[in-house]
Amino acid sequence: SIKDTYFAGRGTFFVVERKSDAKIIGAVGLQDLAVPAEECQKKGLGSCNNMGELRRMTIHSSERRKGRGKLIMKVLLSYAVDQGFDGLTGSTGKWMDPANSLYKLMGGKVVEEVDAAIDIGGGSGRKALRYELLFS
């Protein structure tokens, strides 16, 4: 459930609505990860024992290409810093160019390429990219 996944620890879930008509135009979750340091090192993921995971970010198709994703990401990153996270991880399909561009624009670095069917529920044989955004 959203409550069990996102509101455990320092996690959260934001629903974004347009002011003019209160229409929901997007959402994003932040899951507090509790990853043992040895697993972190094995995956080459910096300090992920104090990391959060960006999950389920979506923007309604009518609201894309208007800077909404960047704004939502800035709000989430600010929240994560305020909560004391060292950084965030997140995954998206290798074929999802807008999402990959957003991760890179916000300072994300690709740390792993994985099977999308396992990582994000994509089709068999497709690849997903796992990103890491570290706060300095």
Protein backbone atom coordinates (compact mmCIF):
# COMPACT_ATOMS: atom_id res chain seq x y z
CA SER A 1 0.00 0.00 0.00
CA ILE A 2 1.04 3.64 -0.41
CA LYS A 3 1.00 4.09 3.38
CA ASP A 4 3.26 1.09 4.07
CA THR A 5 5.66 1.79 1.20
CA TYR A 6 6.03 5.55 1.21
CA PHE A 7 5.19 6.74 4.71
CA ALA A 8 7.56 4.41 6.53
CA GLY A 9 10.57 6.22 7.96
CA ARG A 10 11.22 9.50 6.17
CA GLY A 11 9.36 8.57 2.99
CA THR A 12 6.49 10.50 1.45
CA PHE A 13 4.15 10.57 -1.52
CA PHE A 14 3.24 13.80 -3.32
CA VAL A 15 0.16 14.25 -5.48
CA VAL A 16 0.35 17.30 -7.72
CA GLU A 17 -2.74 19.22 -8.70
CA ARG A 18 -3.22 22.14 -11.05
CA LYS A 19 -4.35 25.25 -9.15
CA SER A 20 -6.78 26.48 -11.78
CA ASP A 21 -9.10 23.46 -11.66
CA ALA A 22 -7.72 21.13 -8.93
CA LYS A 23 -7.06 18.43 -11.57
CA ILE A 24 -4.42 15.90 -10.52
CA ILE A 25 -1.57 16.21 -13.01
CA GLY A 26 1.20 14.19 -11.40
CA ALA A 27 2.57 12.21 -8.51
CA VAL A 28 5.87 11.01 -7.09
CA GLY A 29 6.89 8.85 -4.17
CA LEU A 30 9.99 8.77 -2.01
CA GLN A 31 10.76 5.48 -0.28
CA ASP A 32 13.17 5.43 2.66
CA LEU A 33 15.68 2.66 1.93
CA ALA A 34 17.32 0.67 4.65
CA VAL A 35 20.12 -1.02 2.70
CA PRO A 36 23.01 -2.69 4.52
CA ALA A 37 26.38 -1.09 3.75
CA GLU A 38 27.83 -4.34 2.30
CA GLU A 39 25.00 -4.60 -0.25
CA CYS A 40 25.59 -0.96 -1.13
CA GLN A 41 29.27 -1.56 -1.81
CA LYS A 42 28.53 -4.72 -3.83
CA LYS A 43 26.27 -2.66 -6.13
CA GLY A 44 28.71 0.27 -6.24
CA LEU A 45 26.06 2.66 -4.91
CA GLY A 46 27.92 5.16 -2.76
CA SER A 47 26.23 5.62 0.62
CA CYS A 48 22.84 4.03 -0.09
CA ASN A 49 22.31 2.98 3.53
CA ASN A 50 21.08 6.57 3.97
CA MET A 51 19.40 6.84 0.58
CA GLY A 52 15.86 7.28 -0.58
CA GLU A 53 14.36 5.91 -3.75
CA LEU A 54 12.34 8.06 -6.13
CA ARG A 55 9.37 5.95 -7.22
CA ARG A 56 6.31 6.18 -9.42
CA MET A 57 6.93 9.65 -10.81
CA THR A 58 4.30 10.46 -13.37
CA ILE A 59 3.12 13.58 -15.19
CA HIS A 60 -0.18 13.68 -17.11
CA SER A 61 0.48 13.75 -20.86
CA SER A 62 -1.20 17.17 -21.23
CA GLU A 63 1.28 18.64 -18.72
CA ARG A 64 4.52 17.31 -20.18
CA ARG A 65 7.17 19.55 -21.77
CA LYS A 66 6.11 22.43 -19.48
CA GLY A 67 8.77 22.06 -16.77
CA ARG A 68 6.42 20.17 -14.43
CA GLY A 69 8.75 17.19 -14.05
CA LYS A 70 11.68 19.44 -13.17
CA LEU A 71 9.55 21.28 -10.60
CA ILE A 72 8.30 18.06 -9.01
CA MET A 73 11.84 16.72 -8.89
CA LYS A 74 13.11 19.92 -7.24
CA VAL A 75 10.41 19.70 -4.56
CA LEU A 76 11.25 16.04 -3.91
CA LEU A 77 15.01 16.71 -3.76
CA SER A 78 14.46 19.59 -1.33
CA TYR A 79 12.29 17.37 0.87
CA ALA A 80 14.93 14.62 0.78
CA VAL A 81 17.69 17.03 1.82
CA ASP A 82 15.51 18.39 4.65
CA GLN A 83 14.93 14.81 5.85
CA GLY A 84 18.68 14.13 6.00
CA PHE A 85 19.07 11.71 3.10
CA ASP A 86 22.55 11.47 1.52
CA GLY A 87 20.96 11.13 -1.90
CA LEU A 88 18.37 9.36 -4.00
CA THR A 89 18.29 6.41 -6.35
CA GLY A 90 15.75 5.87 -9.07
CA SER A 91 15.15 3.72 -12.13
CA THR A 92 13.52 4.27 -15.48
CA GLY A 93 13.28 2.44 -18.76
CA LYS A 94 16.27 2.94 -21.04
CA TRP A 95 13.76 3.79 -23.82
CA MET A 96 12.09 6.56 -21.76
CA ASP A 97 14.05 9.52 -23.12
CA PRO A 98 12.23 12.32 -21.21
CA ALA A 99 12.70 10.55 -17.85
CA ASN A 100 16.37 9.83 -18.56
CA SER A 101 16.93 13.45 -19.58
CA LEU A 102 15.31 14.65 -16.35
CA TYR A 103 17.50 12.42 -14.17
CA LYS A 104 20.60 13.72 -15.96
CA LEU A 105 19.42 17.35 -15.81
CA MET A 106 19.01 17.03 -12.05
CA GLY A 107 22.53 15.62 -11.64
CA GLY A 108 21.78 11.90 -11.72
CA LYS A 109 24.49 9.45 -12.74
CA VAL A 110 23.78 6.02 -14.22
CA VAL A 111 25.13 3.40 -11.81
CA GLU A 112 23.65 0.24 -13.28
CA GLU A 113 21.77 -1.16 -16.28
CA VAL A 114 19.29 -3.85 -15.28
CA ASP A 115 16.53 -6.02 -16.73
CA ALA A 116 13.46 -3.76 -16.90
CA ALA A 117 11.08 -6.69 -16.30
CA ILE A 118 12.62 -7.15 -12.86
CA ASP A 119 13.37 -3.55 -11.89
CA ILE A 120 10.45 -1.50 -13.19
CA GLY A 121 8.00 -4.01 -14.64
CA GLY A 122 8.96 -3.30 -18.24
CA GLY A 123 8.76 -5.86 -21.02
CA SER A 124 11.01 -8.88 -21.22
CA GLY A 125 14.37 -8.17 -22.80
CA ARG A 126 14.14 -4.40 -22.24
CA LYS A 127 16.67 -2.56 -20.11
CA ALA A 128 16.24 -0.05 -17.29
CA LEU A 129 18.81 2.42 -16.02
CA ARG A 130 19.34 2.89 -12.31
CA TYR A 131 20.41 6.40 -11.33
CA GLU A 132 21.98 7.87 -8.23
CA LEU A 133 21.76 11.53 -7.20
CA LEU A 134 24.10 12.32 -4.31
CA PHE A 135 23.78 15.42 -2.16
CA SER A 136 27.08 17.10 -1.32
